[in-house]
Amino acid sequence: MRAFIFLGMGMIGCGNSPCTEGFTKASDGNCYPDSAYEESDADTDADSDSDADSDSDADADTDADTDADADADTDADPAGEITVSGLFTFSDEVTSEGICSVSLYSYDDIDEETGNPNHDSGAKSMDLTNIDCPDGNGASYSYEVTLSLSSDTNFEVGIVGFIDPDGDPDTVDGAEGGSVDNPLTVSNGGSYTADISLEPLSPPK
């Protein structure tokens, strides 16, 4: 018997040969496209798309969780805090625009000879809080601040005061200096006294 294949109009002449994948044999002996196969293939594609979407969504959720964790780590609460109070004194004039602050440093970052932070060596404060300035000319302002710690265990810190008496960064009249009570051995929740007395950077006018 001679088998033959005839192609045309979506029909394949099969004779006694089996139909190729995706086709089914009709009663006339010819192979026609199998609609069930097409639906199955469509379902498979849909499942693949669904799986891809699910995987993509899962990856997005994972990335979001990772970002949230990173943000949480970055925004982590400080290890502790202390309350510091004392007298802030400046020997020269202070205008109503003056700026004053009290900051907290590890005592390892304080130059013991000058009492000032070693800025040239990269010293950075653990915390800083602005306060009201004294009236100047030797007058004192009684301050109290809460400062954050980088560790809740006992360790030595330096309390540093800063003043810009006219609030103008272009004038050279500011001053910075450590408290006469430095170093302080502190721990989380403690209250400490640190008096600060500053002289102007340039001679009084």
C-alpha atoms as a PDB file:
ATOM      1  CA  MET A   1       0.000   0.000   0.000  1.00  0.00           C
ATOM      2  CA  ARG A   2       1.389   3.402  -0.929  1.00  0.00           C
ATOM      3  CA  ALA A   3       1.022   6.035   1.781  1.00  0.00           C
ATOM      4  CA  PHE A   4       0.914   9.699   0.861  1.00  0.00           C
ATOM      5  CA  ILE A   5       0.779  13.052   2.655  1.00  0.00           C
ATOM      6  CA  PHE A   6      -1.377  15.888   1.365  1.00  0.00           C
ATOM      7  CA  LEU A   7      -1.068  19.358   2.891  1.00  0.00           C
ATOM      8  CA  GLY A   8      -3.708  22.048   2.523  1.00  0.00           C
ATOM      9  CA  MET A   9      -6.416  24.014   4.308  1.00  0.00           C
ATOM     10  CA  GLY A  10      -5.247  22.900   7.735  1.00  0.00           C
ATOM     11  CA  MET A  11      -5.605  19.215   6.871  1.00  0.00           C
ATOM     12  CA  ILE A  12      -2.896  16.582   6.629  1.00  0.00           C
ATOM     13  CA  GLY A  13      -3.413  13.403   4.597  1.00  0.00           C
ATOM     14  CA  CYS A  14      -2.180  10.646   6.876  1.00  0.00           C
ATOM     15  CA  GLY A  15      -3.234   7.342   5.350  1.00  0.00           C
ATOM     16  CA  ASN A  16      -2.343   4.659   7.848  1.00  0.00           C
ATOM     17  CA  SER A  17       0.399   6.773   9.450  1.00  0.00           C
ATOM     18  CA  PRO A  18      -0.218   8.219  12.908  1.00  0.00           C
ATOM     19  CA  CYS A  19      -0.967  11.953  13.119  1.00  0.00           C
ATOM     20  CA  THR A  20       1.733  14.318  14.218  1.00  0.00           C
ATOM     21  CA  GLU A  21       1.543  16.022  17.602  1.00  0.00           C
ATOM     22  CA  GLY A  22      -1.302  18.534  17.742  1.00  0.00           C
ATOM     23  CA  PHE A  23      -3.427  16.754  15.174  1.00  0.00           C
ATOM     24  CA  THR A  24      -6.102  14.057  15.469  1.00  0.00           C
ATOM     25  CA  LYS A  25      -7.290  11.527  12.843  1.00  0.00           C
ATOM     26  CA  ALA A  26     -10.852  11.879  11.582  1.00  0.00           C
ATOM     27  CA  SER A  27     -13.123   9.128  10.185  1.00  0.00           C
ATOM     28  CA  ASP A  28     -12.016   9.994   6.658  1.00  0.00           C
ATOM     29  CA  GLY A  29      -8.479   9.014   7.581  1.00  0.00           C
ATOM     30  CA  ASN A  30      -7.123  12.564   7.444  1.00  0.00           C
ATOM     31  CA  CYS A  31      -5.431  14.452  10.290  1.00  0.00           C
ATOM     32  CA  TYR A  32      -6.993  17.673  11.509  1.00  0.00           C
ATOM     33  CA  PRO A  33      -5.795  20.196  14.175  1.00  0.00           C
ATOM     34  CA  ASP A  34      -6.719  18.943  17.635  1.00  0.00           C
ATOM     35  CA  SER A  35      -8.681  21.685  19.454  1.00  0.00           C
ATOM     36  CA  ALA A  36      -8.128  19.888  22.763  1.00  0.00           C
ATOM     37  CA  TYR A  37      -4.376  20.091  22.200  1.00  0.00           C
ATOM     38  CA  GLU A  38      -4.575  23.841  21.526  1.00  0.00           C
ATOM     39  CA  GLU A  39      -6.572  24.381  24.736  1.00  0.00           C
ATOM     40  CA  SER A  40      -4.090  22.269  26.663  1.00  0.00           C
ATOM     41  CA  ASP A  41      -1.207  24.259  25.213  1.00  0.00           C
ATOM     42  CA  ALA A  42      -3.005  27.487  26.075  1.00  0.00           C
ATOM     43  CA  ASP A  43      -3.532  26.250  29.644  1.00  0.00           C
ATOM     44  CA  THR A  44       0.150  25.382  29.845  1.00  0.00           C
ATOM     45  CA  ASP A  45       1.097  28.867  28.636  1.00  0.00           C
ATOM     46  CA  ALA A  46      -1.330  30.415  31.098  1.00  0.00           C
ATOM     47  CA  ASP A  47       0.096  28.304  33.917  1.00  0.00           C
ATOM     48  CA  SER A  48       3.603  29.336  32.905  1.00  0.00           C
ATOM     49  CA  ASP A  49       2.593  32.992  32.853  1.00  0.00           C
ATOM     50  CA  SER A  50       0.881  32.577  36.224  1.00  0.00           C
ATOM     51  CA  ASP A  51       3.945  30.899  37.685  1.00  0.00           C
ATOM     52  CA  ALA A  52       6.160  33.650  36.292  1.00  0.00           C
ATOM     53  CA  ASP A  53       3.884  36.312  37.765  1.00  0.00           C
ATOM     54  CA  SER A  54       3.830  34.495  41.106  1.00  0.00           C
ATOM     55  CA  ASP A  55       7.593  34.191  41.134  1.00  0.00           C
ATOM     56  CA  SER A  56       7.929  37.850  40.179  1.00  0.00           C
ATOM     57  CA  ASP A  57       5.504  38.888  42.913  1.00  0.00           C
ATOM     58  CA  ALA A  58       7.324  36.704  45.420  1.00  0.00           C
ATOM     59  CA  ASP A  59      10.647  38.248  44.424  1.00  0.00           C
ATOM     60  CA  ALA A  60       9.146  41.719  44.751  1.00  0.00           C
ATOM     61  CA  ASP A  61       7.818  40.846  48.214  1.00  0.00           C
ATOM     62  CA  THR A  62      11.243  39.524  49.203  1.00  0.00           C
ATOM     63  CA  ASP A  63      12.908  42.696  47.949  1.00  0.00           C
ATOM     64  CA  ALA A  64      10.375  44.797  49.857  1.00  0.00           C
ATOM     65  CA  ASP A  65      11.014  42.809  53.037  1.00  0.00           C
ATOM     66  CA  THR A  66      14.765  43.214  52.557  1.00  0.00           C
ATOM     67  CA  ASP A  67      14.393  46.964  52.067  1.00  0.00           C
ATOM     68  CA  ALA A  68      12.177  47.196  55.136  1.00  0.00           C
ATOM     69  CA  ASP A  69      14.706  45.258  57.205  1.00  0.00           C
ATOM     70  CA  ALA A  70      17.508  47.519  55.980  1.00  0.00           C
ATOM     71  CA  ASP A  71      15.471  50.604  56.881  1.00  0.00           C
ATOM     72  CA  ALA A  72      14.687  49.161  60.283  1.00  0.00           C
ATOM     73  CA  ASP A  73      18.375  48.517  60.919  1.00  0.00           C
ATOM     74  CA  THR A  74      19.283  52.027  59.792  1.00  0.00           C
ATOM     75  CA  ASP A  75      16.597  53.593  61.971  1.00  0.00           C
ATOM     76  CA  ALA A  76      17.452  51.467  64.991  1.00  0.00           C
ATOM     77  CA  ASP A  77      16.977  53.133  68.360  1.00  0.00           C
ATOM     78  CA  PRO A  78      20.109  54.382  70.169  1.00  0.00           C
ATOM     79  CA  ALA A  79      21.598  52.134  72.826  1.00  0.00           C
ATOM     80  CA  GLY A  80      20.561  54.514  75.588  1.00  0.00           C
ATOM     81  CA  GLU A  81      20.407  58.111  76.708  1.00  0.00           C
ATOM     82  CA  ILE A  82      21.587  60.357  79.520  1.00  0.00           C
ATOM     83  CA  THR A  83      20.458  63.659  81.009  1.00  0.00           C
ATOM     84  CA  VAL A  84      23.076  66.374  81.283  1.00  0.00           C
ATOM     85  CA  SER A  85      22.610  69.708  83.035  1.00  0.00           C
ATOM     86  CA  GLY A  86      24.795  72.573  84.164  1.00  0.00           C
ATOM     87  CA  LEU A  87      25.746  76.190  83.598  1.00  0.00           C
ATOM     88  CA  PHE A  88      26.655  77.468  80.130  1.00  0.00           C
ATOM     89  CA  THR A  89      28.744  80.642  80.343  1.00  0.00           C
ATOM     90  CA  PHE A  90      30.211  82.944  77.694  1.00  0.00           C
ATOM     91  CA  SER A  91      32.496  85.848  78.526  1.00  0.00           C
ATOM     92  CA  ASP A  92      31.683  88.109  75.569  1.00  0.00           C
ATOM     93  CA  GLU A  93      28.576  89.702  74.057  1.00  0.00           C
ATOM     94  CA  VAL A  94      25.767  87.533  72.696  1.00  0.00           C
ATOM     95  CA  THR A  95      23.110  88.822  70.276  1.00  0.00           C
ATOM     96  CA  SER A  96      19.517  87.631  69.998  1.00  0.00           C
ATOM     97  CA  GLU A  97      20.613  85.681  66.887  1.00  0.00           C
ATOM     98  CA  GLY A  98      23.243  83.706  68.792  1.00  0.00           C
ATOM     99  CA  ILE A  99      23.415  79.926  68.413  1.00  0.00           C
ATOM    100  CA  CYS A 100      24.432  77.599  71.240  1.00  0.00           C
ATOM    101  CA  SER A 101      24.604  73.815  71.523  1.00  0.00           C
ATOM    102  CA  VAL A 102      25.727  70.978  73.775  1.00  0.00           C
ATOM    103  CA  SER A 103      27.139  67.813  72.218  1.00  0.00           C
ATOM    104  CA  LEU A 104      28.330  64.408  73.367  1.00  0.00           C
ATOM    105  CA  TYR A 105      31.597  62.771  72.272  1.00  0.00           C
ATOM    106  CA  SER A 106      33.447  59.628  73.175  1.00  0.00           C
ATOM    107  CA  TYR A 107      36.274  60.824  75.391  1.00  0.00           C
ATOM    108  CA  ASP A 108      38.693  59.051  73.048  1.00  0.00           C
ATOM    109  CA  ASP A 109      37.849  61.813  70.556  1.00  0.00           C
ATOM    110  CA  ILE A 110      38.706  64.635  72.980  1.00  0.00           C
ATOM    111  CA  ASP A 111      42.121  66.299  72.980  1.00  0.00           C
ATOM    112  CA  GLU A 112      43.096  66.243  76.659  1.00  0.00           C
ATOM    113  CA  GLU A 113      45.335  69.309  76.270  1.00  0.00           C
ATOM    114  CA  THR A 114      42.741  71.604  74.704  1.00  0.00           C
ATOM    115  CA  GLY A 115      39.571  69.881  75.894  1.00  0.00           C
ATOM    116  CA  ASN A 116      38.184  70.171  72.372  1.00  0.00           C
ATOM    117  CA  PRO A 117      37.166  67.395  69.977  1.00  0.00           C
ATOM    118  CA  ASN A 118      39.880  66.157  67.608  1.00  0.00           C
ATOM    119  CA  HIS A 119      38.088  67.281  64.458  1.00  0.00           C
ATOM    120  CA  ASP A 120      41.275  66.920  62.418  1.00  0.00           C
ATOM    121  CA  SER A 121      41.265  63.214  63.302  1.00  0.00           C
ATOM    122  CA  GLY A 122      37.640  62.767  62.269  1.00  0.00           C
ATOM    123  CA  ALA A 123      35.946  63.118  65.657  1.00  0.00           C
ATOM    124  CA  LYS A 124      32.155  63.034  65.376  1.00  0.00           C
ATOM    125  CA  SER A 125      29.592  63.688  68.081  1.00  0.00           C
ATOM    126  CA  MET A 126      27.239  60.941  69.228  1.00  0.00           C
ATOM    127  CA  ASP A 127      24.505  63.510  69.705  1.00  0.00           C
ATOM    128  CA  LEU A 128      23.967  67.277  69.691  1.00  0.00           C
ATOM    129  CA  THR A 129      21.186  69.483  71.050  1.00  0.00           C
ATOM    130  CA  ASN A 130      20.685  73.217  70.608  1.00  0.00           C
ATOM    131  CA  ILE A 131      20.007  75.255  73.740  1.00  0.00           C
ATOM    132  CA  ASP A 132      19.211  78.861  74.569  1.00  0.00           C
ATOM    133  CA  CYS A 133      22.271  81.057  74.743  1.00  0.00           C
ATOM    134  CA  PRO A 134      23.320  82.941  77.864  1.00  0.00           C
ATOM    135  CA  ASP A 135      22.988  86.718  77.916  1.00  0.00           C
ATOM    136  CA  GLY A 136      26.771  87.006  77.555  1.00  0.00           C
ATOM    137  CA  ASN A 137      29.407  89.124  79.224  1.00  0.00           C
ATOM    138  CA  GLY A 138      29.963  86.439  81.837  1.00  0.00           C
ATOM    139  CA  ALA A 139      26.295  85.634  82.438  1.00  0.00           C
ATOM    140  CA  SER A 140      25.348  81.965  82.701  1.00  0.00           C
ATOM    141  CA  TYR A 141      22.433  79.997  81.320  1.00  0.00           C
ATOM    142  CA  SER A 142      21.199  76.938  83.214  1.00  0.00           C
ATOM    143  CA  TYR A 143      20.617  74.173  80.691  1.00  0.00           C
ATOM    144  CA  GLU A 144      19.354  70.581  80.719  1.00  0.00           C
ATOM    145  CA  VAL A 145      19.455  68.262  77.722  1.00  0.00           C
ATOM    146  CA  THR A 146      18.886  64.601  76.886  1.00  0.00           C
ATOM    147  CA  LEU A 147      21.634  63.053  74.766  1.00  0.00           C
ATOM    148  CA  SER A 148      21.675  59.671  73.008  1.00  0.00           C
ATOM    149  CA  LEU A 149      24.370  57.088  73.676  1.00  0.00           C
ATOM    150  CA  SER A 150      25.967  54.687  71.199  1.00  0.00           C
ATOM    151  CA  SER A 151      26.428  52.125  73.990  1.00  0.00           C
ATOM    152  CA  ASP A 152      24.505  51.420  77.187  1.00  0.00           C
ATOM    153  CA  THR A 153      27.539  50.191  79.130  1.00  0.00           C
ATOM    154  CA  ASN A 154      29.768  52.315  81.341  1.00  0.00           C
ATOM    155  CA  PHE A 155      32.216  54.364  79.297  1.00  0.00           C
ATOM    156  CA  GLU A 156      33.844  57.795  79.318  1.00  0.00           C
ATOM    157  CA  VAL A 157      32.380  60.696  77.373  1.00  0.00           C
ATOM    158  CA  GLY A 158      33.109  64.361  76.914  1.00  0.00           C
ATOM    159  CA  ILE A 159      30.458  67.088  77.007  1.00  0.00           C
ATOM    160  CA  VAL A 160      31.276  69.906  74.587  1.00  0.00           C
ATOM    161  CA  GLY A 161      29.702  73.336  74.291  1.00  0.00           C
ATOM    162  CA  PHE A 162      29.573  75.547  71.199  1.00  0.00           C
ATOM    163  CA  ILE A 163      28.514  79.153  70.695  1.00  0.00           C
ATOM    164  CA  ASP A 164      28.230  81.443  67.696  1.00  0.00           C
ATOM    165  CA  PRO A 165      27.368  84.683  69.530  1.00  0.00           C
ATOM    166  CA  ASP A 166      25.931  86.538  66.536  1.00  0.00           C
ATOM    167  CA  GLY A 167      24.627  83.556  64.560  1.00  0.00           C
ATOM    168  CA  ASP A 168      26.665  84.617  61.515  1.00  0.00           C
ATOM    169  CA  PRO A 169      28.940  81.834  60.194  1.00  0.00           C
ATOM    170  CA  ASP A 170      30.982  84.391  58.232  1.00  0.00           C
ATOM    171  CA  THR A 171      32.269  86.146  61.355  1.00  0.00           C
ATOM    172  CA  VAL A 172      35.120  84.620  63.359  1.00  0.00           C
ATOM    173  CA  ASP A 173      33.745  84.973  66.853  1.00  0.00           C
ATOM    174  CA  GLY A 174      32.495  81.505  67.780  1.00  0.00           C
ATOM    175  CA  ALA A 175      33.907  79.243  70.436  1.00  0.00           C
ATOM    176  CA  GLU A 176      33.924  75.554  71.302  1.00  0.00           C
ATOM    177  CA  GLY A 177      35.180  73.841  74.419  1.00  0.00           C
ATOM    178  CA  GLY A 178      34.776  70.881  76.703  1.00  0.00           C
ATOM    179  CA  SER A 179      33.149  70.911  80.105  1.00  0.00           C
ATOM    180  CA  VAL A 180      35.370  71.365  83.153  1.00  0.00           C
ATOM    181  CA  ASP A 181      33.734  68.175  84.448  1.00  0.00           C
ATOM    182  CA  ASN A 182      35.044  65.970  81.614  1.00  0.00           C
ATOM    183  CA  PRO A 183      35.492  63.069  81.407  1.00  0.00           C
ATOM    184  CA  LEU A 184      32.182  61.653  82.618  1.00  0.00           C
ATOM    185  CA  THR A 185      31.707  57.922  83.104  1.00  0.00           C
ATOM    186  CA  VAL A 186      28.122  57.367  82.004  1.00  0.00           C
ATOM    187  CA  SER A 187      25.567  54.617  81.580  1.00  0.00           C
ATOM    188  CA  ASN A 188      22.068  54.442  80.167  1.00  0.00           C
ATOM    189  CA  GLY A 189      19.495  56.453  82.122  1.00  0.00           C
ATOM    190  CA  GLY A 190      21.997  58.389  84.208  1.00  0.00           C
ATOM    191  CA  SER A 191      21.924  62.102  85.063  1.00  0.00           C
ATOM    192  CA  TYR A 192      25.136  64.130  85.091  1.00  0.00           C
ATOM    193  CA  THR A 193      26.396  67.655  85.668  1.00  0.00           C
ATOM    194  CA  ALA A 194      28.647  69.372  83.144  1.00  0.00           C
ATOM    195  CA  ASP A 195      29.372  73.099  83.473  1.00  0.00           C
ATOM    196  CA  ILE A 196      30.648  74.795  80.316  1.00  0.00           C
ATOM    197  CA  SER A 197      32.550  78.084  80.218  1.00  0.00           C
ATOM    198  CA  LEU A 198      33.657  79.475  76.860  1.00  0.00           C
ATOM    199  CA  GLU A 199      35.893  82.316  75.721  1.00  0.00           C
ATOM    200  CA  PRO A 200      35.522  83.967  72.310  1.00  0.00           C
ATOM    201  CA  LEU A 201      37.819  82.762  69.550  1.00  0.00           C
ATOM    202  CA  SER A 202      38.939  86.329  68.885  1.00  0.00           C
ATOM    203  CA  PRO A 203      39.716  88.953  71.561  1.00  0.00           C
ATOM    204  CA  PRO A 204      36.666  90.773  73.002  1.00  0.00           C
ATOM    205  CA  LYS A 205      35.806  94.012  71.212  1.00  0.00           C
END
